[in-house]
Amino acid sequence: MKLVKLAFISLLFFFLLLTGIGLLLPAQVRVSRAIDVAGSGNRVLHMISDTGSWKHWHPLFAHKTTPAVVYITNRTDTSVLATVQTGTNQAENVFILHSYAHTQTQTLQWYQDVRSGWLPWQRLRSLLYEGTYGVLMEQGLKRLDSVQKAAVMQP
């Protein structure tokens, strides 16, 4: 009986310790990537606003087997807010075009805020999300830039 009581107290202490450490981790993580875009930024924002063209540049939609839906919820002259829904998961993707004076180059920033629960493994998973989804965002931005450059070259 003493062994069972020791095991129970040890597991409870370990869980409380992990929960305390988890509460020190952030509840929200922003995954952000950016790329310099030469030429018209309006063309890039138009390609992002056109959900049909996402299959040409977004890694999630490159595979035809991915059951995902995109909704453009807000568009301005310099930004696009897109909601991607896969099953019951919903993610808001924000695309912002930063222009600089006296230069032809503009920077396209793509970010997504990841919120997590209070459990330690949920918060740790949100930190690992930076490494996994960030790579997909980089691939998507590079493909978007190459697709828009190819569209400029066509007559």
Protein backbone atom coordinates (compact mmCIF):
# COMPACT_ATOMS: atom_id res chain seq x y z
CA MET A 1 0.00 0.00 0.00
CA LYS A 2 2.89 2.37 0.73
CA LEU A 3 4.31 1.69 -2.73
CA VAL A 4 0.98 2.57 -4.40
CA LYS A 5 0.72 5.74 -2.31
CA LEU A 6 4.31 6.71 -3.25
CA ALA A 7 3.60 6.09 -6.94
CA PHE A 8 0.42 8.17 -6.81
CA ILE A 9 2.11 11.09 -5.03
CA SER A 10 5.06 10.91 -7.44
CA LEU A 11 2.79 10.99 -10.50
CA LEU A 12 0.78 13.87 -9.05
CA PHE A 13 3.95 15.84 -8.28
CA PHE A 14 5.34 15.14 -11.78
CA PHE A 15 2.08 16.30 -13.41
CA LEU A 16 2.01 19.49 -11.32
CA LEU A 17 5.65 20.17 -12.14
CA LEU A 18 5.03 19.74 -15.88
CA THR A 19 1.92 21.91 -15.68
CA GLY A 20 3.88 24.64 -13.89
CA ILE A 21 6.61 24.54 -16.54
CA GLY A 22 3.94 24.55 -19.27
CA LEU A 23 2.35 27.67 -17.81
CA LEU A 24 5.67 29.45 -18.27
CA LEU A 25 5.53 28.78 -22.02
CA PRO A 26 3.56 31.23 -24.18
CA ALA A 27 -0.10 30.51 -24.89
CA GLN A 28 0.18 32.06 -28.37
CA VAL A 29 2.96 31.72 -30.93
CA ARG A 30 3.18 33.70 -34.17
CA VAL A 31 4.69 31.81 -37.09
CA SER A 32 5.90 34.36 -39.62
CA ARG A 33 7.86 34.28 -42.87
CA ALA A 34 8.60 36.99 -45.44
CA ILE A 35 10.00 37.28 -48.95
CA ASP A 36 11.03 40.21 -51.14
CA VAL A 37 8.84 40.55 -54.23
CA ALA A 38 10.02 42.50 -57.24
CA GLY A 39 7.42 44.18 -59.40
CA SER A 40 3.76 44.72 -58.66
CA GLY A 41 2.63 43.74 -55.21
CA ASN A 42 -0.98 44.09 -56.32
CA ARG A 43 -0.50 41.10 -58.62
CA VAL A 44 0.73 39.01 -55.69
CA LEU A 45 -2.19 40.07 -53.49
CA HIS A 46 -4.58 39.28 -56.33
CA MET A 47 -3.09 35.78 -56.60
CA ILE A 48 -3.56 35.30 -52.86
CA SER A 49 -7.15 36.59 -53.05
CA ASP A 50 -7.93 34.15 -55.87
CA THR A 51 -8.51 30.92 -53.96
CA GLY A 52 -8.43 28.94 -57.18
CA SER A 53 -4.76 29.78 -57.71
CA TRP A 54 -3.72 28.48 -54.28
CA LYS A 55 -3.14 25.02 -55.78
CA HIS A 56 -0.28 26.50 -57.81
CA TRP A 57 1.70 27.88 -54.88
CA HIS A 58 0.41 26.76 -51.46
CA PRO A 59 2.03 23.49 -50.26
CA LEU A 60 -1.17 22.34 -48.53
CA PHE A 61 -3.17 22.59 -51.76
CA ALA A 62 -0.49 21.21 -54.08
CA HIS A 63 -1.67 17.71 -53.19
CA LYS A 64 -5.12 17.07 -54.57
CA THR A 65 -5.97 14.70 -51.71
CA THR A 66 -5.97 17.44 -49.03
CA PRO A 67 -9.58 18.27 -48.09
CA ALA A 68 -9.17 21.97 -47.30
CA VAL A 69 -11.30 25.04 -47.99
CA VAL A 70 -10.12 28.66 -48.16
CA TYR A 71 -12.24 31.69 -47.35
CA ILE A 72 -10.98 35.21 -48.01
CA THR A 73 -12.44 37.09 -45.07
CA ASN A 74 -10.82 40.51 -45.57
CA ARG A 75 -8.84 42.24 -48.32
CA THR A 76 -7.34 45.71 -48.39
CA ASP A 77 -4.80 47.39 -50.68
CA THR A 78 -1.92 45.98 -48.65
CA SER A 79 -3.25 42.87 -46.90
CA VAL A 80 -5.31 39.71 -47.26
CA LEU A 81 -6.85 37.70 -44.43
CA ALA A 82 -7.57 34.11 -45.43
CA THR A 83 -9.16 31.40 -43.31
CA VAL A 84 -8.11 27.84 -44.15
CA GLN A 85 -10.37 25.07 -42.87
CA THR A 86 -9.30 21.43 -42.83
CA GLY A 87 -11.96 19.29 -41.19
CA THR A 88 -12.71 20.87 -37.81
CA ASN A 89 -9.41 22.81 -37.67
CA GLN A 90 -9.47 26.44 -38.71
CA ALA A 91 -6.43 28.68 -39.20
CA GLU A 92 -6.28 32.37 -40.05
CA ASN A 93 -3.47 33.31 -42.42
CA VAL A 94 -2.54 36.97 -42.78
CA PHE A 95 -0.62 38.28 -45.79
CA ILE A 96 0.75 41.84 -45.57
CA LEU A 97 2.57 43.69 -48.34
CA HIS A 98 5.17 46.14 -47.02
CA SER A 99 6.28 48.85 -49.46
CA TYR A 100 9.43 50.91 -49.11
CA ALA A 101 10.06 54.38 -50.48
CA HIS A 102 12.51 54.79 -53.38
CA THR A 103 12.67 51.11 -54.28
CA GLN A 104 10.89 48.70 -56.60
CA THR A 105 11.06 45.83 -54.12
CA GLN A 106 8.24 45.06 -51.73
CA THR A 107 8.17 42.55 -48.88
CA LEU A 108 5.34 40.06 -48.55
CA GLN A 109 4.87 38.82 -44.99
CA TRP A 110 2.79 35.75 -44.19
CA TYR A 111 1.95 34.98 -40.60
CA GLN A 112 -0.32 32.75 -38.58
CA ASP A 113 -1.05 32.92 -34.86
CA VAL A 114 -1.17 29.55 -33.10
CA ARG A 115 -3.09 29.42 -29.83
CA SER A 116 -2.76 26.56 -27.39
CA GLY A 117 -4.48 25.31 -24.26
CA TRP A 118 -3.07 25.28 -20.76
CA LEU A 119 -1.76 21.71 -20.74
CA PRO A 120 2.03 21.48 -21.05
CA TRP A 121 2.05 19.20 -24.11
CA GLN A 122 -0.31 21.60 -25.93
CA ARG A 123 2.00 24.55 -25.30
CA LEU A 124 5.09 22.57 -26.24
CA ARG A 125 3.40 21.47 -29.47
CA SER A 126 2.73 25.11 -30.39
CA LEU A 127 6.46 25.83 -30.10
CA LEU A 128 7.25 22.92 -32.40
CA TYR A 129 4.71 24.27 -34.88
CA GLU A 130 7.18 27.03 -35.78
CA GLY A 131 9.62 24.50 -37.19
CA THR A 132 7.08 22.45 -39.12
CA TYR A 133 4.64 24.98 -40.55
CA GLY A 134 7.32 27.65 -40.95
CA VAL A 135 9.08 25.48 -43.54
CA LEU A 136 5.82 25.06 -45.47
CA MET A 137 5.30 28.82 -45.38
CA GLU A 138 8.78 29.40 -46.83
CA GLN A 139 8.09 26.92 -49.63
CA GLY A 140 4.75 28.58 -50.34
CA LEU A 141 6.23 32.07 -50.51
CA LYS A 142 9.01 30.94 -52.87
CA ARG A 143 6.51 29.20 -55.12
CA LEU A 144 4.21 32.24 -55.04
CA ASP A 145 7.09 34.48 -56.10
CA SER A 146 8.12 32.15 -58.92
CA VAL A 147 4.52 31.79 -60.14
CA GLN A 148 3.99 35.57 -60.20
CA LYS A 149 7.33 36.07 -62.01
CA ALA A 150 6.27 33.48 -64.60
CA ALA A 151 2.94 35.29 -65.03
CA VAL A 152 4.80 38.55 -65.70
CA MET A 153 6.95 36.90 -68.38
CA GLN A 154 3.93 35.59 -70.29
CA PRO A 155 2.46 37.98 -72.87
